[in-house]
Amino acid sequence: MRPQGDGTLVQQSWQLLRLDPVLGATRADLDALRRYMEDSVETTMVSLAQWIAADHRPAESTGAAGTGPRGRTEP
């Protein structure tokens, strides 16, 4: 992820380490899976961008000193 213009560029790279039968048996199967994953990543990033644009932020802690957002202990 890196800034680009008014937004953020997200890049993803793949390295095939082994062929798992669950992923498909042919190059065409792998290409179809890659397209599916690309669409999935794009859908996720668009949803995240819309959520951020709506100014949603994690709730600040109202708990005791030494706790952070959602009550997690700060180091």
C-alpha atoms as a PDB file:
ATOM      1  CA  MET A   1       0.000   0.000   0.000  1.00  0.00           C
ATOM      2  CA  ARG A   2       1.254   3.456  -0.828  1.00  0.00           C
ATOM      3  CA  PRO A   3      -0.188   6.922  -1.372  1.00  0.00           C
ATOM      4  CA  GLN A   4      -1.129   7.811  -4.927  1.00  0.00           C
ATOM      5  CA  GLY A   5      -2.820  11.093  -5.735  1.00  0.00           C
ATOM      6  CA  ASP A   6      -5.838  11.514  -3.484  1.00  0.00           C
ATOM      7  CA  GLY A   7      -5.952   7.812  -2.643  1.00  0.00           C
ATOM      8  CA  THR A   8      -3.920   4.742  -1.886  1.00  0.00           C
ATOM      9  CA  LEU A   9      -2.542   2.224  -4.349  1.00  0.00           C
ATOM     10  CA  VAL A  10      -2.804  -1.383  -3.201  1.00  0.00           C
ATOM     11  CA  GLN A  11      -0.703  -4.002  -4.953  1.00  0.00           C
ATOM     12  CA  GLN A  12      -0.712  -7.743  -4.502  1.00  0.00           C
ATOM     13  CA  SER A  13       1.750 -10.270  -5.872  1.00  0.00           C
ATOM     14  CA  TRP A  14       1.545 -14.030  -6.090  1.00  0.00           C
ATOM     15  CA  GLN A  15       4.183 -16.723  -6.023  1.00  0.00           C
ATOM     16  CA  LEU A  16       3.056 -20.259  -6.734  1.00  0.00           C
ATOM     17  CA  LEU A  17       4.926 -22.565  -4.363  1.00  0.00           C
ATOM     18  CA  ARG A  18       3.069 -25.763  -5.169  1.00  0.00           C
ATOM     19  CA  LEU A  19      -0.101 -26.832  -6.906  1.00  0.00           C
ATOM     20  CA  ASP A  20      -2.795 -27.943  -4.500  1.00  0.00           C
ATOM     21  CA  PRO A  21      -5.663 -29.932  -6.078  1.00  0.00           C
ATOM     22  CA  VAL A  22      -8.133 -27.744  -4.187  1.00  0.00           C
ATOM     23  CA  LEU A  23      -6.903 -24.755  -6.200  1.00  0.00           C
ATOM     24  CA  GLY A  24      -7.454 -26.479  -9.542  1.00  0.00           C
ATOM     25  CA  ALA A  25      -5.608 -28.794 -11.845  1.00  0.00           C
ATOM     26  CA  THR A  26      -4.811 -26.493 -14.776  1.00  0.00           C
ATOM     27  CA  ARG A  27      -3.386 -23.061 -15.471  1.00  0.00           C
ATOM     28  CA  ALA A  28      -6.900 -21.943 -16.464  1.00  0.00           C
ATOM     29  CA  ASP A  29      -8.186 -23.002 -13.022  1.00  0.00           C
ATOM     30  CA  LEU A  30      -5.450 -20.953 -11.343  1.00  0.00           C
ATOM     31  CA  ASP A  31      -6.164 -17.946 -13.573  1.00  0.00           C
ATOM     32  CA  ALA A  32      -9.861 -18.169 -12.650  1.00  0.00           C
ATOM     33  CA  LEU A  33      -8.938 -18.323  -8.960  1.00  0.00           C
ATOM     34  CA  ARG A  34      -6.645 -15.304  -9.352  1.00  0.00           C
ATOM     35  CA  ARG A  35      -9.447 -13.288 -10.999  1.00  0.00           C
ATOM     36  CA  TYR A  36     -11.808 -14.315  -8.203  1.00  0.00           C
ATOM     37  CA  MET A  37      -9.265 -13.222  -5.563  1.00  0.00           C
ATOM     38  CA  GLU A  38      -8.647  -9.918  -7.375  1.00  0.00           C
ATOM     39  CA  ASP A  39     -12.380  -9.200  -7.331  1.00  0.00           C
ATOM     40  CA  SER A  40     -12.570 -10.177  -3.662  1.00  0.00           C
ATOM     41  CA  VAL A  41      -9.698  -7.857  -2.726  1.00  0.00           C
ATOM     42  CA  GLU A  42     -11.230  -5.000  -4.724  1.00  0.00           C
ATOM     43  CA  THR A  43     -14.617  -5.485  -3.056  1.00  0.00           C
ATOM     44  CA  THR A  44     -12.965  -5.496   0.382  1.00  0.00           C
ATOM     45  CA  MET A  45     -10.904  -2.375  -0.347  1.00  0.00           C
ATOM     46  CA  VAL A  46     -13.919  -0.464  -1.725  1.00  0.00           C
ATOM     47  CA  SER A  47     -15.937  -1.361   1.367  1.00  0.00           C
ATOM     48  CA  LEU A  48     -13.080  -0.300   3.637  1.00  0.00           C
ATOM     49  CA  ALA A  49     -12.669   3.000   1.771  1.00  0.00           C
ATOM     50  CA  GLN A  50     -16.391   3.720   2.088  1.00  0.00           C
ATOM     51  CA  TRP A  51     -16.286   2.934   5.799  1.00  0.00           C
ATOM     52  CA  ILE A  52     -13.295   5.241   6.323  1.00  0.00           C
ATOM     53  CA  ALA A  53     -14.892   7.983   4.190  1.00  0.00           C
ATOM     54  CA  ALA A  54     -17.934   7.841   6.461  1.00  0.00           C
ATOM     55  CA  ASP A  55     -15.520   8.887   9.245  1.00  0.00           C
ATOM     56  CA  HIS A  56     -15.753   5.673  11.235  1.00  0.00           C
ATOM     57  CA  ARG A  57     -12.926   5.340  13.698  1.00  0.00           C
ATOM     58  CA  PRO A  58     -12.252   2.910  16.537  1.00  0.00           C
ATOM     59  CA  ALA A  59     -13.906   4.027  19.756  1.00  0.00           C
ATOM     60  CA  GLU A  60     -11.552   5.635  22.220  1.00  0.00           C
ATOM     61  CA  SER A  61     -11.311   3.950  25.572  1.00  0.00           C
ATOM     62  CA  THR A  62     -13.294   5.422  28.422  1.00  0.00           C
ATOM     63  CA  GLY A  63     -11.801   2.859  30.798  1.00  0.00           C
ATOM     64  CA  ALA A  64      -9.069   3.154  33.371  1.00  0.00           C
ATOM     65  CA  ALA A  65      -5.712   4.760  32.639  1.00  0.00           C
ATOM     66  CA  GLY A  66      -3.351   2.434  30.819  1.00  0.00           C
ATOM     67  CA  THR A  67      -5.982   0.978  28.532  1.00  0.00           C
ATOM     68  CA  GLY A  68      -6.320   1.810  24.871  1.00  0.00           C
ATOM     69  CA  PRO A  69      -9.109   1.477  22.348  1.00  0.00           C
ATOM     70  CA  ARG A  70     -11.494  -1.385  23.106  1.00  0.00           C
ATOM     71  CA  GLY A  71      -9.935  -1.867  26.515  1.00  0.00           C
ATOM     72  CA  ARG A  72      -6.626  -3.337  25.342  1.00  0.00           C
ATOM     73  CA  THR A  73      -3.715  -2.712  27.671  1.00  0.00           C
ATOM     74  CA  GLU A  74      -1.177  -0.312  26.227  1.00  0.00           C
ATOM     75  CA  PRO A  75       2.513  -1.247  26.567  1.00  0.00           C
END
